[in-house]
Structure formats: structure tokens, C-alpha cells
C-alpha atoms as a PDB file:
ATOM      1  CA  UNK A   1      62.793 120.383  89.437  1.00  0.00           C
ATOM      2  CA  UNK A   2      64.693 120.400  86.507  1.00  0.00           C
ATOM      3  CA  UNK A   3      67.704 117.717  87.179  1.00  0.00           C
ATOM      4  CA  UNK A   4      70.308 121.143  86.184  1.00  0.00           C
ATOM      5  CA  UNK A   5      68.624 123.135  89.152  1.00  0.00           C
ATOM      6  CA  UNK A   6      69.108 120.244  91.645  1.00  0.00           C
ATOM      7  CA  UNK A   7      72.379 119.495  90.710  1.00  0.00           C
ATOM      8  CA  UNK A   8      73.351 123.299  90.998  1.00  0.00           C
ATOM      9  CA  UNK A   9      72.029 123.416  94.064  1.00  0.00           C
ATOM     10  CA  UNK A  10      73.635 120.133  95.332  1.00  0.00           C
ATOM     11  CA  UNK A  11      77.088 121.861  93.978  1.00  0.00           C
ATOM     12  CA  UNK A  12      76.458 124.980  95.856  1.00  0.00           C
ATOM     13  CA  UNK A  13      75.930 123.873  98.850  1.00  0.00           C
ATOM     14  CA  UNK A  14      78.749 121.390  98.718  1.00  0.00           C
ATOM     15  CA  UNK A  15      80.890 124.078  98.000  1.00  0.00           C
ATOM     16  CA  UNK A  16      79.923 125.993 100.736  1.00  0.00           C
ATOM     17  CA  UNK A  17      80.490 123.211 103.080  1.00  0.00           C
ATOM     18  CA  UNK A  18      83.925 122.938 101.675  1.00  0.00           C
ATOM     19  CA  UNK A  19      84.676 126.238 102.201  1.00  0.00           C
ATOM     20  CA  UNK A  20      83.640 126.165 105.825  1.00  0.00           C
ATOM     21  CA  UNK A  21      85.887 123.295 106.421  1.00  0.00           C
ATOM     22  CA  UNK A  22      88.860 124.317 104.996  1.00  0.00           C
ATOM     23  CA  UNK A  23      88.760 127.540 106.272  1.00  0.00           C
ATOM     24  CA  UNK A  24      88.787 126.276 109.551  1.00  0.00           C
ATOM     25  CA  UNK A  25      91.433 123.868 109.091  1.00  0.00           C
ATOM     26  CA  UNK A  26      94.053 125.838 107.515  1.00  0.00           C
ATOM     27  CA  UNK A  27      96.667 126.624 110.130  1.00  0.00           C
ATOM     28  CA  UNK A  28      97.275 130.311 110.869  1.00  0.00           C
ATOM     29  CA  UNK A  29     100.590 131.634 110.131  1.00  0.00           C
ATOM     30  CA  UNK A  30     102.142 133.945 112.843  1.00  0.00           C
ATOM     31  CA  UNK A  31     104.776 136.233 112.540  1.00  0.00           C
ATOM     32  CA  UNK A  32     108.144 135.471 114.605  1.00  0.00           C
ATOM     33  CA  UNK A  33     108.356 137.092 118.035  1.00  0.00           C
ATOM     34  CA  UNK A  34     112.222 136.632 118.792  1.00  0.00           C
ATOM     35  CA  UNK A  35     114.090 138.521 121.847  1.00  0.00           C
ATOM     36  CA  UNK A  36     117.688 137.951 122.172  1.00  0.00           C
ATOM     37  CA  UNK A  37     120.701 139.021 123.980  1.00  0.00           C
ATOM     38  CA  UNK A  38     124.031 138.929 122.559  1.00  0.00           C
ATOM     39  CA  UNK A  39     127.777 138.729 123.643  1.00  0.00           C
ATOM     40  CA  UNK A  40     128.541 142.225 122.132  1.00  0.00           C
ATOM     41  CA  UNK A  41     126.715 144.714 120.508  1.00  0.00           C
ATOM     42  CA  UNK A  42     126.147 143.231 116.989  1.00  0.00           C
ATOM     43  CA  UNK A  43     122.607 145.095 116.245  1.00  0.00           C
ATOM     44  CA  UNK A  44     124.179 147.014 113.182  1.00  0.00           C
ATOM     45  CA  UNK A  45     125.684 143.868 111.577  1.00  0.00           C
ATOM     46  CA  UNK A  46     123.703 141.779 108.873  1.00  0.00           C
ATOM     47  CA  UNK A  47     122.988 137.971 110.019  1.00  0.00           C
ATOM     48  CA  UNK A  48     123.091 134.956 108.578  1.00  0.00           C
ATOM     49  CA  UNK A  49     122.133 131.424 109.618  1.00  0.00           C
ATOM     50  CA  UNK A  50     124.526 128.545 110.029  1.00  0.00           C
ATOM     51  CA  UNK A  51     124.147 124.953 109.636  1.00  0.00           C
ATOM     52  CA  UNK A  52     123.725 123.438 113.529  1.00  0.00           C
ATOM     53  CA  UNK A  53     127.730 122.305 113.417  1.00  0.00           C
ATOM     54  CA  UNK A  54     128.510 126.298 112.099  1.00  0.00           C
ATOM     55  CA  UNK A  55     130.575 125.092 109.144  1.00  0.00           C
ATOM     56  CA  UNK A  56     128.502 126.736 106.472  1.00  0.00           C
ATOM     57  CA  UNK A  57     126.018 129.276 105.783  1.00  0.00           C
ATOM     58  CA  UNK A  58     122.709 127.882 105.024  1.00  0.00           C
ATOM     59  CA  UNK A  59     120.367 131.318 104.884  1.00  0.00           C
ATOM     60  CA  UNK A  60     121.640 134.528 104.192  1.00  0.00           C
ATOM     61  CA  UNK A  61     119.694 137.775 103.121  1.00  0.00           C
ATOM     62  CA  UNK A  62     119.749 139.536  99.822  1.00  0.00           C
ATOM     63  CA  UNK A  63     120.605 143.234 100.173  1.00  0.00           C
ATOM     64  CA  UNK A  64     116.876 143.802  99.248  1.00  0.00           C
ATOM     65  CA  UNK A  65     115.591 141.976 102.146  1.00  0.00           C
ATOM     66  CA  UNK A  66     117.146 144.085 104.720  1.00  0.00           C
ATOM     67  CA  UNK A  67     114.877 147.256 103.796  1.00  0.00           C
ATOM     68  CA  UNK A  68     111.390 146.934 104.276  1.00  0.00           C
ATOM     69  CA  UNK A  69     109.524 150.098 103.680  1.00  0.00           C
ATOM     70  CA  UNK A  70     112.311 152.037 103.407  1.00  0.00           C
ATOM     71  CA  UNK A  71     113.444 151.316 106.717  1.00  0.00           C
ATOM     72  CA  UNK A  72     116.351 149.091 107.443  1.00  0.00           C
ATOM     73  CA  UNK A  73     115.254 146.195 109.507  1.00  0.00           C
ATOM     74  CA  UNK A  74     117.552 146.347 112.426  1.00  0.00           C
ATOM     75  CA  UNK A  75     116.687 144.548 115.583  1.00  0.00           C
ATOM     76  CA  UNK A  76     115.145 147.564 117.966  1.00  0.00           C
ATOM     77  CA  UNK A  77     117.206 147.691 121.264  1.00  0.00           C
ATOM     78  CA  UNK A  78     115.153 146.836 124.317  1.00  0.00           C
ATOM     79  CA  UNK A  79     116.100 146.852 128.200  1.00  0.00           C
ATOM     80  CA  UNK A  80     118.499 144.646 129.653  1.00  0.00           C
ATOM     81  CA  UNK A  81     120.532 144.328 126.731  1.00  0.00           C
ATOM     82  CA  UNK A  82     117.812 142.534 124.905  1.00  0.00           C
ATOM     83  CA  UNK A  83     116.939 143.071 121.320  1.00  0.00           C
ATOM     84  CA  UNK A  84     113.669 142.650 119.036  1.00  0.00           C
ATOM     85  CA  UNK A  85     114.353 140.649 116.264  1.00  0.00           C
ATOM     86  CA  UNK A  86     112.951 141.806 112.999  1.00  0.00           C
ATOM     87  CA  UNK A  87     115.093 140.120 110.380  1.00  0.00           C
ATOM     88  CA  UNK A  88     114.865 136.492 110.959  1.00  0.00           C
ATOM     89  CA  UNK A  89     117.493 135.251 113.548  1.00  0.00           C
ATOM     90  CA  UNK A  90     117.544 131.478 114.966  1.00  0.00           C
ATOM     91  CA  UNK A  91     119.821 129.625 117.220  1.00  0.00           C
ATOM     92  CA  UNK A  92     122.063 129.210 114.835  1.00  0.00           C
ATOM     93  CA  UNK A  93     122.730 132.753 113.929  1.00  0.00           C
ATOM     94  CA  UNK A  94     126.009 134.528 113.136  1.00  0.00           C
ATOM     95  CA  UNK A  95     126.607 138.243 112.584  1.00  0.00           C
ATOM     96  CA  UNK A  96     128.973 139.567 109.411  1.00  0.00           C
ATOM     97  CA  UNK A  97     131.179 142.688 109.419  1.00  0.00           C
ATOM     98  CA  UNK A  98     128.552 144.162 107.349  1.00  0.00           C
ATOM     99  CA  UNK A  99     126.686 146.917 108.504  1.00  0.00           C
ATOM    100  CA  UNK A 100     122.897 147.061 107.336  1.00  0.00           C
ATOM    101  CA  UNK A 101     123.994 150.355 105.650  1.00  0.00           C
ATOM    102  CA  UNK A 102     126.916 148.956 103.626  1.00  0.00           C
ATOM    103  CA  UNK A 103     124.828 145.721 102.831  1.00  0.00           C
ATOM    104  CA  UNK A 104     121.787 147.574 101.475  1.00  0.00           C
ATOM    105  CA  UNK A 105     123.863 149.126  99.163  1.00  0.00           C
ATOM    106  CA  UNK A 106     125.398 146.300  97.266  1.00  0.00           C
ATOM    107  CA  UNK A 107     123.561 145.168  94.056  1.00  0.00           C
ATOM    108  CA  UNK A 108     123.776 141.407  94.723  1.00  0.00           C
ATOM    109  CA  UNK A 109     124.887 139.756  98.364  1.00  0.00           C
ATOM    110  CA  UNK A 110     128.487 138.795  98.305  1.00  0.00           C
ATOM    111  CA  UNK A 111     129.490 135.153  97.237  1.00  0.00           C
ATOM    112  CA  UNK A 112     129.179 132.295 100.091  1.00  0.00           C
ATOM    113  CA  UNK A 113     133.075 132.460 100.428  1.00  0.00           C
ATOM    114  CA  UNK A 114     133.069 136.212 101.004  1.00  0.00           C
ATOM    115  CA  UNK A 115     129.970 135.656 103.500  1.00  0.00           C
ATOM    116  CA  UNK A 116     131.683 132.771 105.564  1.00  0.00           C
ATOM    117  CA  UNK A 117     134.992 135.261 105.473  1.00  0.00           C
ATOM    118  CA  UNK A 118     133.001 138.313 106.736  1.00  0.00           C
ATOM    119  CA  UNK A 119     131.279 136.212 110.152  1.00  0.00           C
ATOM    120  CA  UNK A 120     132.689 138.043 113.149  1.00  0.00           C
ATOM    121  CA  UNK A 121     131.319 135.844 115.661  1.00  0.00           C
ATOM    122  CA  UNK A 122     129.471 132.378 114.908  1.00  0.00           C
ATOM    123  CA  UNK A 123     128.150 131.784 118.423  1.00  0.00           C
ATOM    124  CA  UNK A 124     126.759 135.179 119.462  1.00  0.00           C
ATOM    125  CA  UNK A 125     123.714 134.490 121.275  1.00  0.00           C
ATOM    126  CA  UNK A 126     123.595 134.446 125.299  1.00  0.00           C
ATOM    127  CA  UNK A 127     119.853 134.319 125.427  1.00  0.00           C
ATOM    128  CA  UNK A 128     117.081 133.717 122.799  1.00  0.00           C
ATOM    129  CA  UNK A 129     113.414 133.550 123.851  1.00  0.00           C
ATOM    130  CA  UNK A 130     110.223 133.291 121.512  1.00  0.00           C
ATOM    131  CA  UNK A 131     107.385 134.960 122.757  1.00  0.00           C
ATOM    132  CA  UNK A 132     104.686 133.994 120.093  1.00  0.00           C
ATOM    133  CA  UNK A 133     102.338 133.669 122.976  1.00  0.00           C
ATOM    134  CA  UNK A 134     102.469 137.366 123.234  1.00  0.00           C
ATOM    135  CA  UNK A 135     102.635 138.223 119.539  1.00  0.00           C
ATOM    136  CA  UNK A 136      99.824 140.944 119.955  1.00  0.00           C
ATOM    137  CA  UNK A 137     102.193 143.084 122.337  1.00  0.00           C
ATOM    138  CA  UNK A 138     105.109 142.958 119.680  1.00  0.00           C
ATOM    139  CA  UNK A 139     104.591 146.237 118.504  1.00  0.00           C
ATOM    140  CA  UNK A 140     104.489 148.339 121.676  1.00  0.00           C
ATOM    141  CA  UNK A 141     108.183 148.569 123.227  1.00  0.00           C
ATOM    142  CA  UNK A 142     106.392 149.634 126.460  1.00  0.00           C
ATOM    143  CA  UNK A 143     104.599 146.142 126.937  1.00  0.00           C
ATOM    144  CA  UNK A 144     107.622 144.310 125.350  1.00  0.00           C
ATOM    145  CA  UNK A 145     109.915 145.660 127.494  1.00  0.00           C
ATOM    146  CA  UNK A 146     107.686 144.890 130.785  1.00  0.00           C
ATOM    147  CA  UNK A 147     107.708 141.528 129.639  1.00  0.00           C
ATOM    148  CA  UNK A 148     111.568 141.257 129.717  1.00  0.00           C
ATOM    149  CA  UNK A 149     111.130 142.800 133.116  1.00  0.00           C
ATOM    150  CA  UNK A 150     108.643 140.031 134.006  1.00  0.00           C
ATOM    151  CA  UNK A 151     111.435 137.441 133.029  1.00  0.00           C
ATOM    152  CA  UNK A 152     109.764 136.525 129.784  1.00  0.00           C
ATOM    153  CA  UNK A 153     106.766 135.001 131.402  1.00  0.00           C
ATOM    154  CA  UNK A 154     104.898 132.771 128.965  1.00  0.00           C
ATOM    155  CA  UNK A 155     107.785 133.007 126.577  1.00  0.00           C
ATOM    156  CA  UNK A 156     109.609 129.811 125.380  1.00  0.00           C
ATOM    157  CA  UNK A 157     113.726 130.098 126.080  1.00  0.00           C
ATOM    158  CA  UNK A 158     115.475 128.824 123.312  1.00  0.00           C
ATOM    159  CA  UNK A 159     118.948 129.339 124.655  1.00  0.00           C
END
């Protein structure tokens, strides 16, 4: 057999094996599935993420980040005062006085000093659960409400 053909066959077999190996080893990214409860109704207030000491903002959305497919990414109200996160909060969330409707109309995000002065609660969470084990039910509000009614079984309590 021609050396070129043998080399080509070996190269193709190696490429197939490499493709199989890397395909199985890459971690699957999964969307977050966070359910939370706050001290007051902040469901229409834009969240920011603070550092652990709650002394500075480490993450905040651009006005274009809070609108997806012509829909505001407000949390979904659930039973027992719980909310289903659609924005990407975390344990160090704080809420601003900006409503989603006001914020999305801004050309650019306010500067960091304005955002800091806009915080109305820098410790708003009563409870926070990561329910990633139940990701398949995330888009069924009835099933998410049943999960809450069952005491968040299988969810990790973060706060």
C-alpha cells in the first residue's frame, strides 16, 4: 500500500478516537436553577452582585442584559413567596431602586457610584436554593411549585 494512504488512514482513525475522547470528557454546562425568598418584594428591582463583605459591587447588568427575546428577565413568582431566578443572582445579591422597566430604557448602565447609592437592600435573602438536580422541571411552574411544597427535596440550601 502507498505510504500516503496508510498515513491518511492512521490520521483518520486517530482523529475519530480523539473526537470520541474529548466529546466524553468535556463538562456539560447547565443553566442555573435558583429559587429564593426575600425579606420584601424586590421582584421588579434590578439585582447586582456584591462582594462577600457587601462593600462593593462586583457584577451588574447592562441594560441590554435584562431583556431577552423582547421579554424582561424578571423572576417568576411562585408559591409561598418564592421566586424563580431568571437574571443570575447569588448569595451576595443586592437590589437597587431601579425597576426593570426603568433600567432597560437606559442607554448604558449607571456608573458604579450611582449603582452603589441605588442599593435598597444589600442583604435581602431569607432563603436561597440551588435546584440543579431538578433542572428538567424548571420550565413547568406547576412542578416547581410542587417542589417547593415538598420542602425543596433534592435541592441544595445555599442560605
